[in-house]
Amino acid sequence: MKKLNIAIVGLGNIGSYLFKYLKQNKRILANKNNCIPNVIYVSAKNRKKKRSFKISKKIWLQNYLNATSKKNVDLIVELIGGAEGPAKKLVFNALKNKKHVVTANKALIAKYGDQLSKIAEKNKVNLEFEASVCGGVPIIRSLKESLIANKINRIYGIFNGTSNYILSCMDKKNKNFKDVLNDAKKLGYAESNPSADLNGDDVSAKLKILSSLCFNSFLNDNINVEGIKDIDKEDINNANTLGYKIKLLGFAEKINNNIYQRVHPTLIKKSSYVASIDGVLNAVIIDGSPVGQSIIQGEGAGPAATTSALVSDISSILRGNVKFPFSISNKERKKLNFKDILDRSFSAYLRFEVKDQPGVLSNITQIFSKNSVSIKRLIQNPNRNKGSSSIIIITHLSKNKSLYKILKIVNKRSYVLKKSKLIRIDDI
């Protein structure tokens, strides 16, 4: 049986888990793929770091970049992370030296995927990145293979387990944002610096990759990104009262030959399927023709889920399949019209924390009227002890730019006590 020689670069939680998995399951993977996965080199920042396994001197690479020039290396697994620095150098060099690459690096693919796919295609090697999006949820392979017959018009869902865990716990455990974030860090669901998860950047990178695969387009940075940092317990309670749940969702939609990419907290009906996805789970929903709607759900992160995706990619290469990284040739990929969402219309939840004094509500409703935004529902919760009032307004479908304009105008009024909130509502 032939062998495929592998170098693993990056031995953090995921790299270590993958190394042990390949060692323990070498025979079964060889039998399933008719080729032996043979790890011949590993490299990481620090060889002396405490790990649950010993690293032989024979397989340790002092300089990680040497993996790209070793003639006996067929495949490099990049698990360093980040769009720049060592990860970028490694992957570019590997593909230029005709090595297959498997990576879990969403930031790198979202930023340099177009350039990397061109090099991979030119050198007839694979660039596989199933593990870069939603961990153990096999969405990349589904789009590239299982759903290949379908014309996709929309993909959306929960793509970040950390933010989903935080919003779920604020709702179910009646805790505030800060306390739940600290819990998530202790449990290993959130990084010590969780900003990419909380500000929407993590979902944004994943959505760009999915969007490109769905619409056979090049990667595009025209994307509306908002995170969950401003969501507080009162918003969660208000959503429940109104019959909604708040989720951080990513959407890529094709409407009248225009593509819209957006990431933001969203109010969705409690009866919606997505509203029931709690904890660190991810869920991806694809609307296509002729299949209709497909849903894939599972663990979105962690060593086990990510290794599942990495081994899927490695197995594809073990079978000897050389495929286009983004499903079709670079020559066939399109430069589609990606538009921002300013002229899109949304129903929305707006919350104003104001002084409890005569004329405030009247002034706010006048601002809505002047900007042609129709009010569907209005709730006023006065707090007499503090001399303040919380005004919640649900709008009919309104232009996104008009909603932004209202926020901007109201926030300048002297009666406003806190920055006003806007959360879009989606009927999914």
Protein backbone atom coordinates (compact mmCIF):
# COMPACT_ATOMS: atom_id res chain seq x y z
CA MET A 1 0.00 0.00 0.00
CA LYS A 2 1.34 3.45 -0.92
CA LYS A 3 2.11 6.07 1.74
CA LEU A 4 1.37 9.78 2.04
CA ASN A 5 4.04 11.54 4.09
CA ILE A 6 2.65 14.24 6.38
CA ALA A 7 4.20 17.16 8.32
CA ILE A 8 2.10 18.75 11.07
CA VAL A 9 3.07 22.34 11.90
CA GLY A 10 1.49 23.66 15.10
CA LEU A 11 1.06 21.44 18.17
CA GLY A 12 -1.47 23.30 20.30
CA ASN A 13 -4.64 21.55 21.48
CA ILE A 14 -5.76 20.74 17.93
CA GLY A 15 -2.34 19.80 16.51
CA SER A 16 -1.64 17.49 19.46
CA TYR A 17 -5.07 15.85 19.19
CA LEU A 18 -4.60 15.30 15.44
CA PHE A 19 -1.09 13.86 15.90
CA LYS A 20 -2.35 11.30 18.44
CA TYR A 21 -5.43 10.50 16.36
CA LEU A 22 -3.40 9.77 13.20
CA LYS A 23 -1.00 7.60 15.17
CA GLN A 24 -3.77 5.58 16.86
CA ASN A 25 -5.98 5.23 13.76
CA LYS A 26 -3.31 4.77 11.09
CA ARG A 27 -4.45 1.27 10.12
CA ILE A 28 -8.18 2.00 9.86
CA LEU A 29 -7.55 5.16 7.81
CA ALA A 30 -5.18 3.23 5.52
CA ASN A 31 -7.84 0.54 4.96
CA LYS A 32 -10.58 3.07 4.27
CA ASN A 33 -8.49 5.17 1.87
CA ASN A 34 -6.13 2.55 0.37
CA CYS A 35 -3.17 4.74 1.37
CA ILE A 36 -1.21 5.02 4.64
CA PRO A 37 -1.21 8.41 6.44
CA ASN A 38 2.41 8.63 7.61
CA VAL A 39 3.37 11.51 9.93
CA ILE A 40 7.09 11.98 9.40
CA TYR A 41 7.64 15.50 10.77
CA VAL A 42 6.18 17.84 13.37
CA SER A 43 7.07 21.38 14.31
CA ALA A 44 5.91 23.97 16.84
CA LYS A 45 7.16 27.04 18.70
CA ASN A 46 8.52 25.08 21.64
CA ARG A 47 9.58 21.44 21.62
CA LYS A 48 10.00 21.38 25.42
CA LYS A 49 6.42 22.44 26.14
CA LYS A 50 4.57 19.87 28.29
CA ARG A 51 2.48 17.58 26.11
CA SER A 52 0.71 14.26 26.67
CA PHE A 53 3.10 12.53 24.25
CA LYS A 54 6.81 12.48 23.55
CA ILE A 55 8.27 13.89 20.36
CA SER A 56 11.12 11.93 18.87
CA LYS A 57 14.18 13.91 17.71
CA LYS A 58 13.86 12.14 14.35
CA ILE A 59 10.55 13.80 13.50
CA TRP A 60 11.12 17.24 15.05
CA LEU A 61 11.75 20.13 12.63
CA GLN A 62 13.68 22.98 14.24
CA ASN A 63 12.64 25.32 11.43
CA TYR A 64 8.98 24.85 10.47
CA LEU A 65 9.61 26.21 6.95
CA ASN A 66 11.91 23.26 6.19
CA ALA A 67 8.74 21.16 5.81
CA THR A 68 8.06 22.98 2.54
CA SER A 69 11.42 22.05 0.98
CA LYS A 70 11.74 18.41 2.16
CA LYS A 71 11.39 16.17 -0.88
CA ASN A 72 9.82 13.35 1.14
CA VAL A 73 6.91 15.52 2.41
CA ASP A 74 3.67 15.18 0.43
CA LEU A 75 1.21 17.00 2.68
CA ILE A 76 1.55 19.83 5.22
CA VAL A 77 -1.10 20.40 7.89
CA GLU A 78 -0.99 24.04 9.01
CA LEU A 79 -2.33 24.60 12.54
CA ILE A 80 -0.48 27.79 13.49
CA GLY A 81 -3.37 30.23 12.97
CA GLY A 82 -3.58 33.88 11.92
CA ALA A 83 -3.72 35.47 8.48
CA GLU A 84 -0.14 36.74 8.54
CA GLY A 85 3.32 35.70 9.77
CA PRO A 86 4.41 32.04 9.99
CA ALA A 87 1.07 30.57 8.81
CA LYS A 88 1.05 32.69 5.65
CA LYS A 89 4.71 31.92 4.87
CA LEU A 90 4.19 28.20 5.43
CA VAL A 91 1.09 27.80 3.24
CA PHE A 92 2.33 29.97 0.36
CA ASN A 93 5.72 28.18 0.33
CA ALA A 94 4.14 24.73 0.61
CA LEU A 95 1.83 25.24 -2.39
CA LYS A 96 4.64 26.82 -4.46
CA ASN A 97 6.75 23.72 -3.69
CA LYS A 98 3.92 21.44 -4.83
CA LYS A 99 2.90 20.17 -1.40
CA HIS A 100 -0.75 19.49 -0.55
CA VAL A 101 -2.05 21.68 2.28
CA VAL A 102 -4.74 21.05 4.88
CA THR A 103 -5.55 23.96 7.20
CA ALA A 104 -8.02 25.01 9.89
CA ASN A 105 -7.09 28.67 9.39
CA LYS A 106 -10.23 30.66 8.51
CA ALA A 107 -8.46 34.04 8.76
CA LEU A 108 -5.83 32.99 6.20
CA ILE A 109 -8.37 31.52 3.74
CA ALA A 110 -10.74 34.49 4.09
CA LYS A 111 -7.90 36.92 3.31
CA TYR A 112 -5.64 35.04 0.88
CA GLY A 113 -7.83 32.18 -0.35
CA ASP A 114 -8.07 33.52 -3.92
CA GLN A 115 -4.27 33.80 -4.30
CA LEU A 116 -3.64 30.44 -2.62
CA SER A 117 -6.22 28.60 -4.75
CA LYS A 118 -4.57 29.97 -7.91
CA ILE A 119 -1.16 28.60 -6.82
CA ALA A 120 -2.67 25.23 -5.81
CA GLU A 121 -4.47 24.91 -9.13
CA LYS A 122 -1.34 25.84 -11.11
CA ASN A 123 0.76 23.24 -9.25
CA LYS A 124 -1.95 20.55 -9.27
CA VAL A 125 -2.04 20.14 -5.48
CA ASN A 126 -4.87 20.30 -2.96
CA LEU A 127 -5.68 23.17 -0.63
CA GLU A 128 -8.30 21.84 1.80
CA PHE A 129 -9.94 23.91 4.55
CA GLU A 130 -13.00 22.04 5.85
CA ALA A 131 -11.85 22.68 9.45
CA SER A 132 -11.76 26.44 8.93
CA VAL A 133 -15.55 26.78 9.10
CA CYS A 134 -17.75 25.40 11.90
CA GLY A 135 -15.38 22.69 13.16
CA GLY A 136 -17.09 19.30 12.98
CA VAL A 137 -19.98 20.51 10.80
CA PRO A 138 -19.09 19.21 7.28
CA ILE A 139 -20.38 22.28 5.45
CA ILE A 140 -17.43 22.88 3.06
CA ARG A 141 -17.50 19.34 1.66
CA SER A 142 -21.30 19.44 1.48
CA LEU A 143 -21.16 22.58 -0.67
CA LYS A 144 -18.32 21.26 -2.86
CA GLU A 145 -19.68 17.74 -3.33
CA SER A 146 -23.01 16.69 -1.78
CA LEU A 147 -24.93 19.80 -2.87
CA ILE A 148 -23.11 20.26 -6.19
CA ALA A 149 -26.36 19.90 -8.19
CA ASN A 150 -27.94 22.86 -6.44
CA LYS A 151 -28.20 26.53 -7.25
CA ILE A 152 -27.88 28.18 -3.84
CA ASN A 153 -29.60 31.48 -3.14
CA ARG A 154 -28.99 31.80 0.60
CA ILE A 155 -26.83 30.40 3.37
CA TYR A 156 -27.17 31.48 6.98
CA GLY A 157 -26.88 30.27 10.55
CA ILE A 158 -24.96 30.21 13.81
CA PHE A 159 -21.26 30.00 12.95
CA ASN A 160 -19.68 30.88 16.31
CA GLY A 161 -20.06 28.69 19.39
CA THR A 162 -18.65 31.22 21.87
CA SER A 163 -21.19 33.96 21.10
CA ASN A 164 -24.01 31.39 20.97
CA TYR A 165 -23.01 30.05 24.39
CA ILE A 166 -22.96 33.58 25.87
CA LEU A 167 -26.38 34.56 24.48
CA SER A 168 -27.89 31.18 25.49
CA CYS A 169 -26.60 31.44 29.08
CA MET A 170 -27.71 35.05 29.48
CA ASP A 171 -31.17 33.80 28.54
CA LYS A 172 -31.34 30.45 30.37
CA LYS A 173 -29.24 31.19 33.48
CA ASN A 174 -30.39 34.78 33.98
CA LYS A 175 -26.79 36.04 34.12
CA ASN A 176 -25.25 39.23 32.74
CA PHE A 177 -22.83 39.42 29.81
CA LYS A 178 -19.65 39.83 31.88
CA ASP A 179 -20.36 36.85 34.18
CA VAL A 180 -21.23 34.53 31.30
CA LEU A 181 -18.08 35.56 29.39
CA ASN A 182 -15.97 34.69 32.46
CA ASP A 183 -17.73 31.29 32.66
CA ALA A 184 -16.99 30.70 28.96
CA LYS A 185 -13.28 31.43 29.52
CA LYS A 186 -13.10 29.01 32.48
CA LEU A 187 -14.79 26.27 30.43
CA GLY A 188 -12.45 26.82 27.47
CA TYR A 189 -15.26 28.04 25.18
CA ALA A 190 -13.74 31.54 24.93
CA GLU A 191 -10.13 32.60 24.38
CA SER A 192 -8.37 34.84 26.92
CA ASN A 193 -8.83 37.54 24.24
CA PRO A 194 -12.27 36.74 22.79
CA SER A 195 -12.65 39.92 20.71
CA ALA A 196 -12.87 38.12 17.32
CA ASP A 197 -15.78 36.03 18.64
CA LEU A 198 -17.58 38.94 20.31
CA ASN A 199 -17.19 41.58 17.58
CA GLY A 200 -18.30 39.30 14.72
CA ASP A 201 -14.92 38.99 12.94
CA ASP A 202 -14.82 35.20 13.37
CA VAL A 203 -18.25 34.80 11.75
CA SER A 204 -17.30 37.32 9.05
CA ALA A 205 -14.26 35.26 7.93
CA LYS A 206 -16.33 32.05 7.83
CA LEU A 207 -19.18 33.72 5.95
CA LYS A 208 -16.83 35.07 3.24
CA ILE A 209 -15.57 31.52 2.61
CA LEU A 210 -19.08 30.02 2.51
CA SER A 211 -20.37 32.83 0.30
CA SER A 212 -17.59 32.24 -2.23
CA LEU A 213 -18.39 28.52 -2.38
CA CYS A 214 -22.16 29.05 -2.63
CA PHE A 215 -22.08 31.60 -5.44
CA ASN A 216 -18.89 30.47 -7.29
CA SER A 217 -17.44 33.92 -6.72
CA PHE A 218 -14.16 35.37 -5.55
CA LEU A 219 -13.88 36.30 -1.87
CA ASN A 220 -15.34 39.71 -1.13
CA ASP A 221 -14.84 42.10 1.81
CA ASN A 222 -18.11 44.01 1.33
CA ILE A 223 -19.75 42.70 4.48
CA ASN A 224 -21.78 44.31 7.29
CA VAL A 225 -20.32 43.15 10.64
CA GLU A 226 -21.75 43.79 14.12
CA GLY A 227 -21.01 41.81 17.28
CA ILE A 228 -22.77 41.02 20.55
CA LYS A 229 -20.81 43.25 22.98
CA ASP A 230 -23.69 45.72 23.38
CA ILE A 231 -26.36 43.08 24.07
CA ASP A 232 -27.38 43.16 27.74
CA LYS A 233 -29.78 41.26 30.00
CA GLU A 234 -32.55 43.78 29.35
CA ASP A 235 -32.41 43.11 25.60
CA ILE A 236 -32.66 39.37 26.29
CA ASN A 237 -35.67 39.93 28.59
CA ASN A 238 -37.36 42.26 26.09
CA ALA A 239 -36.87 39.70 23.33
CA ASN A 240 -38.53 37.01 25.45
CA THR A 241 -41.47 39.30 26.23
CA LEU A 242 -41.91 39.98 22.51
CA GLY A 243 -41.71 36.27 21.59
CA TYR A 244 -38.15 36.30 20.20
CA LYS A 245 -34.64 34.96 20.88
CA ILE A 246 -31.43 36.86 20.11
CA LYS A 247 -28.77 35.02 18.09
CA LEU A 248 -25.57 36.17 16.37
CA LEU A 249 -26.18 35.11 12.76
CA GLY A 250 -24.29 35.27 9.48
CA PHE A 251 -26.20 35.63 6.20
CA ALA A 252 -25.07 35.47 2.56
CA GLU A 253 -27.95 36.03 0.15
CA LYS A 254 -28.34 36.39 -3.60
CA ILE A 255 -31.15 38.83 -4.42
CA ASN A 256 -31.70 40.12 -7.99
CA ASN A 257 -28.13 39.12 -8.97
CA ASN A 258 -26.67 41.06 -6.04
CA ILE A 259 -24.91 39.37 -3.11
CA TYR A 260 -25.45 40.67 0.42
CA GLN A 261 -23.21 39.52 3.27
CA ARG A 262 -24.14 40.43 6.83
CA VAL A 263 -23.22 39.43 10.38
CA HIS A 264 -25.19 40.82 13.32
CA PRO A 265 -27.29 39.97 16.37
CA THR A 266 -30.76 39.04 15.15
CA LEU A 267 -34.19 38.71 16.74
CA ILE A 268 -35.83 35.51 15.55
CA LYS A 269 -39.14 33.94 16.59
CA LYS A 270 -38.96 31.46 19.48
CA SER A 271 -40.66 28.88 17.23
CA SER A 272 -37.81 29.09 14.66
CA TYR A 273 -35.49 26.08 14.36
CA VAL A 274 -32.41 28.28 14.81
CA ALA A 275 -33.80 29.69 18.09
CA SER A 276 -33.50 26.20 19.62
CA ILE A 277 -29.74 25.91 18.92
CA ASP A 278 -28.11 26.63 22.26
CA GLY A 279 -24.68 26.32 23.89
CA VAL A 280 -21.57 25.96 21.72
CA LEU A 281 -23.42 24.27 18.83
CA ASN A 282 -23.30 25.60 15.27
CA ALA A 283 -26.05 25.27 12.68
CA VAL A 284 -25.85 26.02 8.94
CA ILE A 285 -28.98 26.38 6.80
CA ILE A 286 -28.75 26.28 3.01
CA ASP A 287 -31.60 27.31 0.68
CA GLY A 288 -31.07 25.83 -2.76
CA SER A 289 -32.76 24.48 -5.85
CA PRO A 290 -33.81 21.71 -6.40
CA VAL A 291 -33.05 20.46 -2.85
CA GLY A 292 -34.99 23.14 -0.94
CA GLN A 293 -33.71 23.72 2.57
CA SER A 294 -30.85 21.71 4.11
CA ILE A 295 -29.71 21.97 7.73
CA ILE A 296 -26.39 20.79 9.16
CA GLN A 297 -25.81 21.05 12.89
CA GLY A 298 -22.97 20.05 15.22
CA GLU A 299 -20.02 20.99 17.40
CA GLY A 300 -18.46 24.14 16.02
CA ALA A 301 -15.09 24.09 17.75
CA GLY A 302 -12.69 22.15 19.95
CA PRO A 303 -9.93 19.61 19.24
CA ALA A 304 -12.23 16.61 18.59
CA ALA A 305 -14.61 18.40 16.20
CA THR A 306 -11.76 20.13 14.34
CA THR A 307 -9.79 16.87 14.03
CA SER A 308 -12.88 15.25 12.49
CA ALA A 309 -12.80 17.92 9.75
CA LEU A 310 -9.00 17.74 9.31
CA VAL A 311 -9.07 13.95 8.91
CA SER A 312 -11.86 14.30 6.33
CA ASP A 313 -9.57 16.57 4.27
CA ILE A 314 -6.53 14.32 4.78
CA SER A 315 -8.58 11.29 3.68
CA SER A 316 -9.65 13.07 0.50
CA ILE A 317 -5.96 13.58 -0.36
CA LEU A 318 -5.09 9.98 0.64
CA ARG A 319 -7.52 8.83 -2.05
CA GLY A 320 -5.53 10.72 -4.66
CA ASN A 321 -8.18 13.29 -5.56
CA VAL A 322 -6.79 16.61 -6.79
CA LYS A 323 -9.64 19.14 -6.74
CA PHE A 324 -10.13 22.86 -7.13
CA PRO A 325 -9.99 24.51 -3.68
CA PHE A 326 -13.18 26.51 -4.30
CA SER A 327 -15.00 23.75 -6.18
CA ILE A 328 -14.44 25.21 -9.67
CA SER A 329 -11.42 26.54 -11.56
CA ASN A 330 -10.25 30.10 -10.87
CA LYS A 331 -11.00 30.87 -14.52
CA GLU A 332 -14.65 29.96 -13.94
CA ARG A 333 -15.11 31.87 -10.67
CA LYS A 334 -17.00 35.14 -11.03
CA LYS A 335 -16.65 38.73 -9.88
CA LEU A 336 -20.20 39.18 -8.69
CA ASN A 337 -21.86 42.37 -7.49
CA PHE A 338 -21.53 42.44 -3.70
CA LYS A 339 -23.58 45.26 -2.17
CA ASP A 340 -23.85 46.74 1.31
CA ILE A 341 -27.16 46.51 3.15
CA LEU A 342 -27.98 50.24 3.44
CA ASP A 343 -30.81 50.02 0.90
CA ARG A 344 -32.11 46.67 2.18
CA SER A 345 -35.28 46.76 4.28
CA PHE A 346 -35.60 45.17 7.71
CA SER A 347 -38.07 45.10 10.54
CA ALA A 348 -36.14 46.14 13.65
CA TYR A 349 -36.10 46.42 17.44
CA LEU A 350 -34.94 49.79 18.74
CA ARG A 351 -34.39 50.56 22.42
CA PHE A 352 -34.03 54.05 23.83
CA GLU A 353 -33.03 54.78 27.46
CA VAL A 354 -34.29 58.30 28.13
CA LYS A 355 -35.23 60.78 30.87
CA ASP A 356 -38.79 60.30 32.06
CA GLN A 357 -40.14 63.72 31.12
CA PRO A 358 -43.01 65.12 29.01
CA GLY A 359 -42.52 65.36 25.23
CA VAL A 360 -39.76 62.73 24.88
CA LEU A 361 -41.92 59.98 23.40
CA SER A 362 -43.63 62.47 21.10
CA ASN A 363 -40.26 63.73 19.84
CA ILE A 364 -38.99 60.19 19.15
CA THR A 365 -42.12 59.19 17.22
CA GLN A 366 -41.87 62.42 15.16
CA ILE A 367 -38.27 61.49 14.20
CA PHE A 368 -39.54 58.07 13.02
CA SER A 369 -42.30 59.73 11.00
CA LYS A 370 -39.93 62.25 9.35
CA ASN A 371 -37.69 59.37 8.24
CA SER A 372 -40.60 57.35 6.81
CA VAL A 373 -40.25 54.52 9.35
CA SER A 374 -43.58 53.03 10.42
CA ILE A 375 -43.99 51.82 14.03
CA LYS A 376 -45.54 48.37 14.47
CA ARG A 377 -45.36 48.13 18.27
CA LEU A 378 -44.30 50.43 21.09
CA ILE A 379 -43.62 49.59 24.75
CA GLN A 380 -42.74 52.18 27.41
CA ASN A 381 -41.29 51.01 30.73
CA PRO A 382 -40.87 53.97 33.12
CA ASN A 383 -38.62 53.74 36.19
CA ARG A 384 -40.06 56.41 38.49
CA ASN A 385 -37.35 55.95 41.14
CA LYS A 386 -34.57 56.76 38.70
CA GLY A 387 -36.51 59.31 36.67
CA SER A 388 -35.84 57.32 33.51
CA SER A 389 -37.80 55.36 30.94
CA SER A 390 -37.03 52.55 28.51
CA ILE A 391 -38.79 52.88 25.16
CA ILE A 392 -38.88 49.80 22.91
CA ILE A 393 -40.08 50.19 19.33
CA ILE A 394 -40.65 47.43 16.77
CA THR A 395 -40.79 48.78 13.21
CA HIS A 396 -42.42 47.61 10.02
CA LEU A 397 -40.04 46.88 7.13
CA SER A 398 -37.83 49.95 6.76
CA LYS A 399 -34.69 50.93 4.87
CA ASN A 400 -31.55 50.07 6.85
CA LYS A 401 -30.12 53.55 6.22
CA SER A 402 -33.30 55.17 7.63
CA LEU A 403 -32.99 53.10 10.83
CA TYR A 404 -29.34 54.18 11.20
CA LYS A 405 -30.34 57.81 10.62
CA ILE A 406 -32.97 57.66 13.39
CA LEU A 407 -30.40 56.25 15.84
CA LYS A 408 -27.95 59.00 14.95
CA ILE A 409 -30.52 61.78 15.43
CA VAL A 410 -32.00 60.43 18.69
CA ASN A 411 -28.55 59.78 20.23
CA LYS A 412 -27.79 63.51 19.94
CA ARG A 413 -30.85 64.51 22.00
CA SER A 414 -30.23 65.76 25.55
CA TYR A 415 -32.91 63.42 26.95
CA VAL A 416 -30.93 60.27 25.97
CA LEU A 417 -29.22 58.57 28.94
CA LYS A 418 -27.46 55.67 27.14
CA LYS A 419 -26.44 54.82 23.60
CA SER A 420 -29.55 53.57 21.78
CA LYS A 421 -29.80 50.00 20.43
CA LEU A 422 -30.78 48.56 17.05
CA ILE A 423 -31.29 44.83 16.48
CA ARG A 424 -32.69 43.61 13.16
CA ILE A 425 -35.51 41.07 13.04
CA ASP A 426 -35.41 38.16 10.57
CA ASP A 427 -38.30 35.85 9.78
CA ILE A 428 -36.46 32.53 9.44
